[in-house]
Amino acid sequence: MRTILFIFFLLLLWCGFSSFESTSVRPNGWYYVIDMEHDSLSADPIVTVKDFARIKLDSVSDSNEDNMAYRILGVLDDSHKTTWAEATEKSIGKHIGFLFNGVILTAPYVNCKIESGKFFIATDKAYDMKLLYQQILQEAGCKSEFGFTDEVGQGESTFTFWLIRGGLIGLLLVIMCFGFLKVRKIKKTVSG
């Protein structure tokens, strides 16, 4: 009788504990990809979105269709650039994945060590990249694109460059006009 009660008790405990669902949620960020076929990621992230220093929403015209393709460019804060460089060096010839809200959005193939701390997030999945950009900005608390320079060395500072250049050209034209008027006045005084 005791054996039956003991087995019944163990069965009750087993059923009770097996019905609990795991509520652990992985932090949003970049992970090592263990197995591409099964979307298996490392237990701990390489970096999380809270480690992002700046991000920028970038768009490119899709040549096949009449719409825009979006991607998010970003750079990590200085304290995580070394971690990123070591992780990308370790992952050369492999994939790393960006996980957001439990979904692997992209898993790029790593070709080289990235010491600058830069990354980009692009996906061919039907995912609203504008919404993702806003969600990352909100969660990370990082700066948005102001002053961000993209991979070709151009960015928001281009506007400032043209604004200053236009101002200098305008100033030069004003100086030349005054100089021309002064030369004309001198010629009239000399000839008169």
Protein backbone atom coordinates (compact mmCIF):
# COMPACT_ATOMS: atom_id res chain seq x y z
CA MET A 1 0.00 0.00 0.00
CA ARG A 2 2.80 2.39 0.86
CA THR A 3 4.49 1.64 -2.45
CA ILE A 4 1.33 2.48 -4.37
CA LEU A 5 0.90 5.73 -2.44
CA PHE A 6 4.56 6.58 -3.00
CA ILE A 7 4.26 5.93 -6.76
CA PHE A 8 1.02 7.93 -6.86
CA PHE A 9 2.73 10.81 -5.03
CA LEU A 10 5.71 10.75 -7.44
CA LEU A 11 3.33 10.67 -10.41
CA LEU A 12 1.43 13.65 -9.00
CA LEU A 13 4.68 15.60 -8.49
CA TRP A 14 5.91 14.73 -11.99
CA CYS A 15 2.63 15.89 -13.58
CA GLY A 16 2.61 19.05 -11.53
CA PHE A 17 6.15 20.09 -12.41
CA SER A 18 5.97 19.03 -16.06
CA SER A 19 3.01 21.34 -16.67
CA PHE A 20 5.05 24.48 -15.92
CA GLU A 21 6.11 26.35 -19.00
CA SER A 22 9.47 27.99 -19.24
CA THR A 23 8.99 31.72 -19.01
CA SER A 24 12.64 32.59 -19.55
CA VAL A 25 13.06 35.10 -22.34
CA ARG A 26 16.36 35.69 -24.05
CA PRO A 27 17.53 39.28 -24.21
CA ASN A 28 17.32 40.96 -27.61
CA GLY A 29 20.73 41.10 -29.26
CA TRP A 30 23.43 39.29 -31.23
CA TYR A 31 24.17 35.58 -30.55
CA TYR A 32 26.48 32.87 -31.83
CA VAL A 33 24.57 30.54 -34.17
CA ILE A 34 25.16 26.94 -33.09
CA ASP A 35 23.09 25.21 -35.80
CA MET A 36 21.60 27.06 -38.80
CA GLU A 37 19.16 24.26 -39.69
CA HIS A 38 17.45 24.34 -36.31
CA ASP A 39 17.83 28.05 -35.47
CA SER A 40 19.91 27.11 -32.47
CA LEU A 41 21.61 30.01 -30.68
CA SER A 42 24.13 30.25 -27.86
CA ALA A 43 22.72 30.53 -24.35
CA ASP A 44 24.26 33.95 -23.72
CA PRO A 45 24.25 36.90 -26.12
CA ILE A 46 27.43 38.36 -27.58
CA VAL A 47 25.96 41.85 -27.06
CA THR A 48 22.43 43.05 -26.34
CA VAL A 49 20.56 46.01 -27.79
CA LYS A 50 21.33 47.90 -24.57
CA ASP A 51 24.98 47.89 -25.74
CA PHE A 52 24.15 49.84 -28.92
CA ALA A 53 25.57 53.39 -28.99
CA ARG A 54 23.93 54.65 -32.21
CA ILE A 55 21.62 53.26 -34.86
CA LYS A 56 20.29 54.57 -38.15
CA LEU A 57 17.44 53.44 -40.37
CA ASP A 58 18.73 53.27 -43.94
CA SER A 59 16.74 52.66 -47.13
CA VAL A 60 17.65 51.45 -50.58
CA SER A 61 15.44 51.32 -53.64
CA ASP A 62 14.71 47.72 -54.60
CA SER A 63 15.59 47.32 -58.29
CA ASN A 64 13.24 44.36 -58.83
CA GLU A 65 10.18 45.97 -57.33
CA ASP A 66 8.91 49.50 -56.96
CA ASN A 67 9.48 49.76 -53.20
CA MET A 68 12.13 50.45 -50.59
CA ALA A 69 14.25 47.89 -48.76
CA TYR A 70 15.24 48.93 -45.24
CA ARG A 71 18.15 48.05 -42.99
CA ILE A 72 19.38 49.27 -39.65
CA LEU A 73 23.00 50.39 -39.37
CA GLY A 74 24.52 50.56 -35.94
CA VAL A 75 27.61 50.85 -33.80
CA LEU A 76 28.26 49.49 -30.32
CA ASP A 77 29.38 51.57 -27.37
CA ASP A 78 33.14 51.69 -26.74
CA SER A 79 33.04 49.24 -23.83
CA HIS A 80 31.65 46.44 -26.07
CA LYS A 81 33.73 46.92 -29.23
CA THR A 82 36.41 44.53 -27.97
CA THR A 83 33.80 41.86 -27.20
CA TRP A 84 32.33 42.32 -30.70
CA ALA A 85 35.79 42.09 -32.31
CA GLU A 86 36.59 38.87 -30.42
CA ALA A 87 33.17 37.38 -31.24
CA THR A 88 33.39 38.18 -34.94
CA GLU A 89 36.95 36.83 -35.10
CA LYS A 90 35.78 33.61 -33.40
CA SER A 91 32.87 33.39 -35.88
CA ILE A 92 34.81 33.80 -39.14
CA GLY A 93 33.32 31.28 -41.59
CA LYS A 94 30.21 30.90 -39.41
CA HIS A 95 26.99 32.79 -38.76
CA ILE A 96 25.93 35.07 -35.96
CA GLY A 97 22.26 35.85 -35.41
CA PHE A 98 20.23 38.85 -34.31
CA LEU A 99 17.37 37.83 -32.02
CA PHE A 100 14.52 40.24 -31.33
CA ASN A 101 11.36 39.32 -29.38
CA GLY A 102 12.21 35.62 -29.70
CA VAL A 103 12.61 35.72 -33.50
CA ILE A 104 15.92 35.37 -35.35
CA LEU A 105 15.65 38.24 -37.83
CA THR A 106 18.99 37.84 -39.55
CA ALA A 107 21.98 35.53 -39.39
CA PRO A 108 24.80 36.98 -41.51
CA TYR A 109 27.87 35.00 -42.47
CA VAL A 110 31.00 36.45 -40.86
CA ASN A 111 33.93 37.02 -43.21
CA CYS A 112 36.35 38.91 -40.98
CA LYS A 113 36.99 40.41 -37.56
CA ILE A 114 35.02 43.64 -37.05
CA GLU A 115 36.97 45.93 -34.73
CA SER A 116 34.92 49.08 -35.35
CA GLY A 117 31.87 47.78 -33.48
CA LYS A 118 29.66 48.35 -36.53
CA PHE A 119 26.82 46.07 -37.62
CA PHE A 120 23.72 46.10 -39.76
CA ILE A 121 20.37 44.37 -39.45
CA ALA A 122 18.51 43.45 -42.63
CA THR A 123 15.96 40.75 -43.21
CA ASP A 124 14.07 39.32 -46.12
CA LYS A 125 11.30 38.21 -43.78
CA ALA A 126 8.07 40.20 -43.77
CA TYR A 127 9.13 42.34 -40.83
CA ASP A 128 8.42 46.03 -40.40
CA MET A 129 11.95 47.48 -40.18
CA LYS A 130 10.66 50.96 -39.30
CA LEU A 131 8.85 49.51 -36.30
CA LEU A 132 11.92 47.45 -35.35
CA TYR A 133 14.04 50.61 -35.51
CA GLN A 134 11.67 52.41 -33.13
CA GLN A 135 11.54 49.41 -30.77
CA ILE A 136 15.34 49.13 -30.63
CA LEU A 137 15.66 52.88 -30.00
CA GLN A 138 13.17 52.62 -27.17
CA GLU A 139 14.72 49.52 -25.56
CA ALA A 140 18.35 50.48 -26.03
CA GLY A 141 18.02 54.11 -25.10
CA CYS A 142 20.76 54.83 -27.61
CA LYS A 143 21.16 57.86 -29.83
CA SER A 144 19.41 57.84 -33.15
CA GLU A 145 21.05 58.76 -36.39
CA PHE A 146 22.13 62.33 -35.58
CA GLY A 147 25.80 62.65 -36.45
CA PHE A 148 26.02 59.01 -37.54
CA THR A 149 28.52 58.27 -40.29
CA ASP A 150 27.80 55.21 -42.41
CA GLU A 151 30.29 52.78 -43.93
CA VAL A 152 31.26 55.03 -46.84
CA GLY A 153 32.07 57.97 -44.57
CA GLN A 154 28.98 59.99 -45.39
CA GLY A 155 25.88 60.55 -43.38
CA GLU A 156 23.92 63.26 -41.68
CA SER A 157 27.00 65.50 -41.65
CA THR A 158 26.68 65.88 -45.45
CA PHE A 159 23.86 68.41 -44.95
CA THR A 160 26.03 70.45 -42.60
CA PHE A 161 28.89 70.33 -45.13
CA TRP A 162 26.70 71.75 -47.93
CA LEU A 163 25.19 74.34 -45.61
CA ILE A 164 28.63 75.63 -44.62
CA ARG A 165 29.86 75.46 -48.21
CA GLY A 166 26.85 77.47 -49.43
CA GLY A 167 27.41 80.07 -46.70
CA LEU A 168 31.08 80.43 -47.62
CA ILE A 169 30.26 80.81 -51.32
CA GLY A 170 27.65 83.47 -50.49
CA LEU A 171 30.15 85.33 -48.29
CA LEU A 172 32.75 85.16 -51.08
CA LEU A 173 30.25 86.61 -53.58
CA VAL A 174 29.42 89.51 -51.22
CA ILE A 175 33.14 90.27 -50.74
CA MET A 176 33.70 90.18 -54.50
CA CYS A 177 30.75 92.57 -55.10
CA PHE A 178 32.09 95.05 -52.54
CA GLY A 179 35.56 94.74 -54.05
CA PHE A 180 34.20 95.35 -57.56
CA LEU A 181 32.27 98.41 -56.38
CA LYS A 182 35.37 99.77 -54.60
CA VAL A 183 37.53 99.23 -57.73
CA ARG A 184 34.89 101.02 -59.83
CA LYS A 185 34.83 103.91 -57.38
CA ILE A 186 38.65 104.15 -57.50
CA LYS A 187 38.58 104.16 -61.35
CA LYS A 188 36.00 106.95 -61.38
CA THR A 189 38.10 109.02 -58.95
CA VAL A 190 41.32 108.49 -60.94
CA SER A 191 39.72 109.27 -64.33
CA GLY A 192 37.67 112.19 -63.07
